[in-house]
Amino acid sequence: MIKIVAKNYVKADKVKDYIELAKKLVIATNDKDAGCVHYQLYQDTKDPQVLTFLEEWESEEHLKQHMEAEHFKEMVPALSKFQEKPGELNIYRVAE
């Protein structure tokens, strides 16, 4: 099992646009990507400019397939245009 925390810092005037596009990515991922256990966008309660994808994948291979999917390759670069600064990506697996 792989878990992802992808934290994004969005420009104040682009939060609504970011959420709108990100929702399309969430729907496409949940509908089309094999091995997706959980994929959702969350907004920080203290700072609405911080938007984070929390993801859970059955395996690293499923995650790789997601990152090669057409919807991912199309929407992620578009989402990055709304960012105020580079985001943070953390990939986790169960500690042994």
C-alpha atoms as a PDB file:
ATOM      1  CA  MET A   1       0.000   0.000   0.000  1.00  0.00           C
ATOM      2  CA  ILE A   2       1.303   3.439  -0.987  1.00  0.00           C
ATOM      3  CA  LYS A   3       0.042   6.731   0.436  1.00  0.00           C
ATOM      4  CA  ILE A   4       0.667  10.134  -1.105  1.00  0.00           C
ATOM      5  CA  VAL A   5       0.425  13.613   0.396  1.00  0.00           C
ATOM      6  CA  ALA A   6       0.689  16.223  -2.371  1.00  0.00           C
ATOM      7  CA  LYS A   7       0.493  19.689  -0.816  1.00  0.00           C
ATOM      8  CA  ASN A   8      -0.044  22.682  -3.093  1.00  0.00           C
ATOM      9  CA  TYR A   9       0.219  26.407  -2.409  1.00  0.00           C
ATOM     10  CA  VAL A  10      -2.253  28.185  -4.669  1.00  0.00           C
ATOM     11  CA  LYS A  11      -2.430  31.880  -5.587  1.00  0.00           C
ATOM     12  CA  ALA A  12      -5.214  33.592  -3.634  1.00  0.00           C
ATOM     13  CA  ASP A  13      -7.072  34.692  -6.749  1.00  0.00           C
ATOM     14  CA  LYS A  14      -6.792  31.217  -8.339  1.00  0.00           C
ATOM     15  CA  VAL A  15      -8.121  28.983  -5.530  1.00  0.00           C
ATOM     16  CA  LYS A  16     -11.571  28.602  -7.101  1.00  0.00           C
ATOM     17  CA  ASP A  17     -10.059  27.795 -10.528  1.00  0.00           C
ATOM     18  CA  TYR A  18      -7.663  25.291  -8.971  1.00  0.00           C
ATOM     19  CA  ILE A  19     -10.445  23.490  -7.113  1.00  0.00           C
ATOM     20  CA  GLU A  20     -12.629  23.378 -10.210  1.00  0.00           C
ATOM     21  CA  LEU A  21      -9.916  21.736 -12.317  1.00  0.00           C
ATOM     22  CA  ALA A  22      -8.698  19.500  -9.481  1.00  0.00           C
ATOM     23  CA  LYS A  23     -12.211  18.093  -9.029  1.00  0.00           C
ATOM     24  CA  LYS A  24     -12.061  16.904 -12.652  1.00  0.00           C
ATOM     25  CA  LEU A  25      -8.760  15.158 -11.917  1.00  0.00           C
ATOM     26  CA  VAL A  26     -10.266  13.523  -8.823  1.00  0.00           C
ATOM     27  CA  ILE A  27     -13.249  12.219 -10.801  1.00  0.00           C
ATOM     28  CA  ALA A  28     -11.098  10.961 -13.688  1.00  0.00           C
ATOM     29  CA  THR A  29      -8.664   9.244 -11.338  1.00  0.00           C
ATOM     30  CA  ASN A  30     -11.348   7.545  -9.273  1.00  0.00           C
ATOM     31  CA  ASP A  31     -13.221   6.445 -12.409  1.00  0.00           C
ATOM     32  CA  LYS A  32     -10.308   5.338 -14.595  1.00  0.00           C
ATOM     33  CA  ASP A  33      -7.215   4.411 -12.591  1.00  0.00           C
ATOM     34  CA  ALA A  34      -6.809   0.811 -11.488  1.00  0.00           C
ATOM     35  CA  GLY A  35      -5.420   0.326  -8.001  1.00  0.00           C
ATOM     36  CA  CYS A  36      -6.757   3.630  -6.680  1.00  0.00           C
ATOM     37  CA  VAL A  37      -8.043   3.102  -3.137  1.00  0.00           C
ATOM     38  CA  HIS A  38      -8.538   6.778  -2.256  1.00  0.00           C
ATOM     39  CA  TYR A  39      -7.930   9.997  -4.199  1.00  0.00           C
ATOM     40  CA  GLN A  40      -9.364  13.279  -2.931  1.00  0.00           C
ATOM     41  CA  LEU A  41      -8.548  16.976  -2.695  1.00  0.00           C
ATOM     42  CA  TYR A  42      -8.659  18.686   0.703  1.00  0.00           C
ATOM     43  CA  GLN A  43      -8.494  22.375   1.629  1.00  0.00           C
ATOM     44  CA  ASP A  44      -6.687  23.518   4.760  1.00  0.00           C
ATOM     45  CA  THR A  45      -9.107  24.922   7.340  1.00  0.00           C
ATOM     46  CA  LYS A  46      -6.679  27.654   8.457  1.00  0.00           C
ATOM     47  CA  ASP A  47      -5.218  28.600   5.081  1.00  0.00           C
ATOM     48  CA  PRO A  48      -7.588  28.163   2.113  1.00  0.00           C
ATOM     49  CA  GLN A  49      -4.671  28.609  -0.293  1.00  0.00           C
ATOM     50  CA  VAL A  50      -3.257  25.252   0.809  1.00  0.00           C
ATOM     51  CA  LEU A  51      -4.863  22.449  -1.174  1.00  0.00           C
ATOM     52  CA  THR A  52      -3.687  18.890  -0.668  1.00  0.00           C
ATOM     53  CA  PHE A  53      -4.311  15.678  -2.528  1.00  0.00           C
ATOM     54  CA  LEU A  54      -4.446  12.663  -0.220  1.00  0.00           C
ATOM     55  CA  GLU A  55      -4.045   9.448  -2.154  1.00  0.00           C
ATOM     56  CA  GLU A  56      -3.878   5.742  -1.464  1.00  0.00           C
ATOM     57  CA  TRP A  57      -2.706   3.215  -4.049  1.00  0.00           C
ATOM     58  CA  GLU A  58      -2.568  -0.576  -3.954  1.00  0.00           C
ATOM     59  CA  SER A  59       1.030  -0.563  -5.234  1.00  0.00           C
ATOM     60  CA  GLU A  60       3.839   1.569  -6.626  1.00  0.00           C
ATOM     61  CA  GLU A  61       3.036   0.145 -10.060  1.00  0.00           C
ATOM     62  CA  HIS A  62      -0.527   1.481  -9.843  1.00  0.00           C
ATOM     63  CA  LEU A  63       0.836   4.889  -8.853  1.00  0.00           C
ATOM     64  CA  LYS A  64       3.206   4.849 -11.844  1.00  0.00           C
ATOM     65  CA  GLN A  65       0.311   3.981 -14.165  1.00  0.00           C
ATOM     66  CA  HIS A  66      -1.673   6.905 -12.723  1.00  0.00           C
ATOM     67  CA  MET A  67       1.198   9.286 -13.392  1.00  0.00           C
ATOM     68  CA  GLU A  68       1.305   8.070 -17.018  1.00  0.00           C
ATOM     69  CA  ALA A  69      -2.462   8.443 -17.514  1.00  0.00           C
ATOM     70  CA  GLU A  70      -3.638  11.008 -20.046  1.00  0.00           C
ATOM     71  CA  HIS A  71      -5.816  12.878 -17.526  1.00  0.00           C
ATOM     72  CA  PHE A  72      -2.866  13.205 -15.131  1.00  0.00           C
ATOM     73  CA  LYS A  73      -0.463  14.398 -17.836  1.00  0.00           C
ATOM     74  CA  GLU A  74      -3.017  16.941 -19.029  1.00  0.00           C
ATOM     75  CA  MET A  75      -4.316  18.354 -15.745  1.00  0.00           C
ATOM     76  CA  VAL A  76      -1.266  18.425 -13.461  1.00  0.00           C
ATOM     77  CA  PRO A  77       0.693  20.923 -15.621  1.00  0.00           C
ATOM     78  CA  ALA A  78      -2.480  23.038 -15.891  1.00  0.00           C
ATOM     79  CA  LEU A  79      -2.887  22.980 -12.103  1.00  0.00           C
ATOM     80  CA  SER A  80       0.734  24.037 -11.587  1.00  0.00           C
ATOM     81  CA  LYS A  81      -0.003  27.329 -13.352  1.00  0.00           C
ATOM     82  CA  PHE A  82      -2.222  28.285 -10.393  1.00  0.00           C
ATOM     83  CA  GLN A  83       0.501  27.679  -7.810  1.00  0.00           C
ATOM     84  CA  GLU A  84       2.073  30.459  -5.787  1.00  0.00           C
ATOM     85  CA  LYS A  85       5.198  28.401  -5.084  1.00  0.00           C
ATOM     86  CA  PRO A  86       6.346  24.801  -5.569  1.00  0.00           C
ATOM     87  CA  GLY A  87       4.359  22.209  -3.669  1.00  0.00           C
ATOM     88  CA  GLU A  88       5.491  19.320  -1.513  1.00  0.00           C
ATOM     89  CA  LEU A  89       5.152  15.654  -2.403  1.00  0.00           C
ATOM     90  CA  ASN A  90       5.568  12.891   0.158  1.00  0.00           C
ATOM     91  CA  ILE A  91       5.258   9.214  -0.722  1.00  0.00           C
ATOM     92  CA  TYR A  92       4.741   6.758   2.140  1.00  0.00           C
ATOM     93  CA  ARG A  93       4.697   3.012   2.572  1.00  0.00           C
ATOM     94  CA  VAL A  94       4.014   0.988   5.694  1.00  0.00           C
ATOM     95  CA  ALA A  95       7.011   0.941   8.023  1.00  0.00           C
ATOM     96  CA  GLU A  96       8.463  -2.514   8.548  1.00  0.00           C
END
